[in-house]
């Protein structure tokens, strides 16, 4: 495995973990929304969960790239 392939695998794993955490956070917000309003649909809860997963993945990848930046 080349160094570039190793970096790609690391980035994918970190993004995946971040998406999992973000999805769990989104699920919590989605459940609270359903409980509070009582009128929220499954679609709106799914959108919140999806947005949480996307935000978590993007944040984790951004942190990885920031930490991976060469030191000058």
Protein backbone atom coordinates (compact mmCIF):
# COMPACT_ATOMS: atom_id res chain seq x y z
CA UNK A 1 0.00 0.00 0.00
CA UNK A 2 1.44 3.35 -1.02
CA UNK A 3 1.64 6.34 1.29
CA UNK A 4 -1.15 8.09 -0.67
CA UNK A 5 -3.42 5.06 -0.31
CA UNK A 6 -2.71 4.95 3.45
CA UNK A 7 -3.65 8.63 3.78
CA UNK A 8 -6.85 8.06 1.81
CA UNK A 9 -7.78 5.10 4.03
CA UNK A 10 -7.12 7.14 7.19
CA UNK A 11 -9.22 10.05 5.92
CA UNK A 12 -12.08 7.71 5.02
CA UNK A 13 -12.01 6.06 8.44
CA UNK A 14 -11.95 9.38 10.28
CA UNK A 15 -14.76 10.83 8.16
CA UNK A 16 -16.80 7.69 8.70
CA UNK A 17 -16.35 7.86 12.47
CA UNK A 18 -17.29 11.54 12.47
CA UNK A 19 -20.42 10.79 10.45
CA UNK A 20 -21.40 8.12 12.97
CA UNK A 21 -21.04 10.52 15.86
CA UNK A 22 -22.86 13.26 13.96
CA UNK A 23 -25.66 10.85 13.03
CA UNK A 24 -26.08 9.86 16.67
CA UNK A 25 -26.25 13.53 17.65
CA UNK A 26 -28.74 14.19 14.89
CA UNK A 27 -30.84 11.25 16.05
CA UNK A 28 -31.00 12.73 19.53
CA UNK A 29 -32.11 16.09 18.16
CA UNK A 30 -34.63 14.33 15.90
CA UNK A 31 -36.12 12.40 18.80
CA UNK A 32 -36.36 15.55 20.93
CA UNK A 33 -38.04 17.36 18.06
CA UNK A 34 -40.63 14.60 17.72
CA UNK A 35 -41.31 14.56 21.45
CA UNK A 36 -41.56 18.32 21.79
CA UNK A 37 -43.79 19.06 18.83
CA UNK A 38 -45.67 15.83 18.41
CA UNK A 39 -46.34 16.89 14.82
CA UNK A 40 -42.94 16.31 13.28
CA UNK A 41 -42.88 13.70 10.56
CA UNK A 42 -40.44 10.86 10.10
CA UNK A 43 -39.11 12.76 7.10
CA UNK A 44 -38.13 15.81 9.15
CA UNK A 45 -36.43 13.60 11.77
CA UNK A 46 -34.56 11.78 8.97
CA UNK A 47 -33.40 15.09 7.52
CA UNK A 48 -32.06 16.17 10.91
CA UNK A 49 -30.22 12.86 11.35
CA UNK A 50 -28.76 13.11 7.84
CA UNK A 51 -27.61 16.67 8.36
CA UNK A 52 -26.00 15.69 11.65
CA UNK A 53 -24.12 12.85 9.97
CA UNK A 54 -22.95 15.10 7.13
CA UNK A 55 -21.81 17.82 9.53
CA UNK A 56 -20.00 15.32 11.76
CA UNK A 57 -18.20 13.77 8.81
CA UNK A 58 -17.19 17.13 7.39
CA UNK A 59 -15.96 18.36 10.75
CA UNK A 60 -13.91 15.21 11.39
CA UNK A 61 -12.34 15.39 7.93
CA UNK A 62 -11.54 19.08 8.39
CA UNK A 63 -9.85 18.41 11.73
CA UNK A 64 -7.87 15.53 10.19
CA UNK A 65 -6.66 17.74 7.32
CA UNK A 66 -5.79 20.53 9.75
CA UNK A 67 -3.76 18.19 11.96
CA UNK A 68 -2.13 16.54 8.94
CA UNK A 69 -0.95 19.90 7.53
CA UNK A 70 2.85 19.98 7.29
CA UNK A 71 4.54 21.97 10.02
CA UNK A 72 6.50 24.93 8.63
